[in-house]
C-alpha cells in the first residue's frame, strides 16, 4: 500500500518538474530513499512505479532506490548510532531501551536531467 503512495508521489514530482524544464531537457532517472521501517522494499517500489508509468512518457525513467539510515539513541548508556535495518539492541551496551532520534520514511533525493 505504501509502495503505491510513494510511486504516485514520484510521478507527481517528476510531472511537476517536467513542466518547468525546457522542451529539449529530459529527466532520465529519479533517486529516492526509503526507511527500513517503511514496510516497502526497493524491488516492490520499482515494480509498482513501472506498472504506474507503463504506456506514459515516464515509462523510460529509471528509478533508483536506496535505504536510509535510522539515527538512534540508547536510553541506558546514551550512545548515539545509525543503522540501516531495524535493531533492538545498543551496539555499545546491548541495552534494549532505544529511541529513534531522526527518521524519514521516504524522500525523493534528486532527479537526473539531460538534454
Protein backbone atom coordinates (compact mmCIF):
# COMPACT_ATOMS: atom_id res chain seq x y z
CA UNK A 1 0.00 0.00 0.00
CA UNK A 2 2.80 2.43 0.88
CA UNK A 3 4.58 1.50 -2.34
CA UNK A 4 1.66 2.84 -4.40
CA UNK A 5 1.60 6.05 -2.36
CA UNK A 6 5.33 6.58 -2.88
CA UNK A 7 5.12 5.70 -6.60
CA UNK A 8 2.32 8.27 -7.07
CA UNK A 9 4.40 10.87 -5.22
CA UNK A 10 7.33 10.22 -7.57
CA UNK A 11 5.10 10.57 -10.65
CA UNK A 12 3.65 13.83 -9.33
CA UNK A 13 7.11 15.28 -8.57
CA UNK A 14 8.53 14.30 -11.96
CA UNK A 15 5.45 15.60 -13.80
CA UNK A 16 5.70 18.93 -11.99
CA UNK A 17 9.42 19.25 -12.73
CA UNK A 18 8.87 18.43 -16.41
CA UNK A 19 6.54 21.45 -16.64
CA UNK A 20 9.39 23.75 -15.62
CA UNK A 21 12.03 22.31 -17.95
CA UNK A 22 12.75 23.36 -21.50
CA UNK A 23 11.42 21.25 -24.34
CA UNK A 24 14.79 19.61 -25.02
CA UNK A 25 15.51 18.64 -21.40
CA UNK A 26 14.65 15.14 -20.30
CA UNK A 27 14.52 13.52 -16.88
CA UNK A 28 16.35 10.22 -17.13
CA UNK A 29 16.33 9.00 -13.52
CA UNK A 30 14.85 9.62 -10.10
CA UNK A 31 16.93 8.94 -6.99
CA UNK A 32 14.86 8.05 -3.94
CA UNK A 33 15.45 6.74 -0.44
CA UNK A 34 13.19 4.73 1.87
CA UNK A 35 13.36 3.93 5.56
CA UNK A 36 13.96 0.35 6.66
CA UNK A 37 10.84 0.87 8.80
CA UNK A 38 8.65 1.93 5.87
CA UNK A 39 7.48 -1.62 5.11
CA UNK A 40 8.38 -1.04 1.45
CA UNK A 41 11.11 -2.96 -0.33
CA UNK A 42 13.01 -1.30 -3.17
CA UNK A 43 12.00 -4.05 -5.63
CA UNK A 44 8.32 -3.60 -4.79
CA UNK A 45 8.54 0.17 -5.20
CA UNK A 46 10.27 -0.24 -8.57
CA UNK A 47 7.65 -2.73 -9.76
CA UNK A 48 4.78 -0.53 -8.63
CA UNK A 49 6.33 2.53 -10.26
CA UNK A 50 6.90 0.62 -13.53
CA UNK A 51 3.26 -0.51 -13.59
CA UNK A 52 2.05 3.02 -12.87
CA UNK A 53 4.04 4.66 -15.69
CA UNK A 54 3.63 1.91 -18.30
CA UNK A 55 2.49 3.44 -21.58
CA UNK A 56 3.23 7.01 -20.44
CA UNK A 57 6.10 9.41 -21.28
CA UNK A 58 7.67 8.40 -17.93
CA UNK A 59 7.99 4.74 -18.93
CA UNK A 60 11.71 5.06 -19.79
CA UNK A 61 12.55 6.72 -16.46
CA UNK A 62 15.00 4.86 -14.22
CA UNK A 63 14.01 4.64 -10.57
CA UNK A 64 16.93 4.30 -8.14
CA UNK A 65 16.09 3.37 -4.55
CA UNK A 66 18.42 3.29 -1.56
CA UNK A 67 17.81 2.56 2.11
CA UNK A 68 18.00 5.44 4.57
CA UNK A 69 19.79 5.09 7.87
CA UNK A 70 17.98 5.48 11.17
CA UNK A 71 19.58 7.59 13.89
CA UNK A 72 19.04 6.03 17.31
CA UNK A 73 19.96 6.69 20.92
CA UNK A 74 20.28 4.23 23.79
CA UNK A 75 18.44 5.30 26.94
CA UNK A 76 20.75 3.20 29.11
CA UNK A 77 24.22 4.41 28.06
CA UNK A 78 23.19 7.47 25.99
CA UNK A 79 25.17 6.21 22.95
CA UNK A 80 24.01 7.52 19.60
CA UNK A 81 24.32 5.37 16.49
CA UNK A 82 22.94 4.86 13.00
CA UNK A 83 21.56 1.66 11.47
CA UNK A 84 20.22 0.71 8.06
CA UNK A 85 17.88 -2.01 9.33
CA UNK A 86 15.71 -2.28 12.43
CA UNK A 87 17.59 -3.24 15.57
CA UNK A 88 16.59 -3.80 19.16
CA UNK A 89 19.99 -3.72 20.88
CA UNK A 90 22.50 -0.97 21.51
CA UNK A 91 25.83 -1.87 19.87
CA UNK A 92 27.73 -0.38 22.84
CA UNK A 93 25.98 -1.73 25.96
CA UNK A 94 23.50 -4.17 24.40
CA UNK A 95 20.65 -2.38 26.17
CA UNK A 96 17.21 -2.62 24.61
CA UNK A 97 15.75 0.77 25.53
CA UNK A 98 16.26 2.60 22.23
CA UNK A 99 14.76 5.75 20.77
CA UNK A 100 14.70 6.74 17.12
CA UNK A 101 16.06 10.29 17.09
CA UNK A 102 15.80 11.02 13.38
CA UNK A 103 13.70 9.15 10.89
CA UNK A 104 12.39 9.83 7.43
CA UNK A 105 10.06 7.36 5.76
CA UNK A 106 10.61 8.34 2.13
CA UNK A 107 12.18 11.08 0.08
CA UNK A 108 12.97 11.99 -3.47
CA UNK A 109 16.63 12.93 -3.26
CA UNK A 110 17.28 14.11 -6.80
CA UNK A 111 16.34 13.99 -10.45
CA UNK A 112 18.87 13.32 -13.20
CA UNK A 113 18.25 15.70 -16.08
CA UNK A 114 19.83 15.59 -19.51
CA UNK A 115 19.31 17.11 -22.94
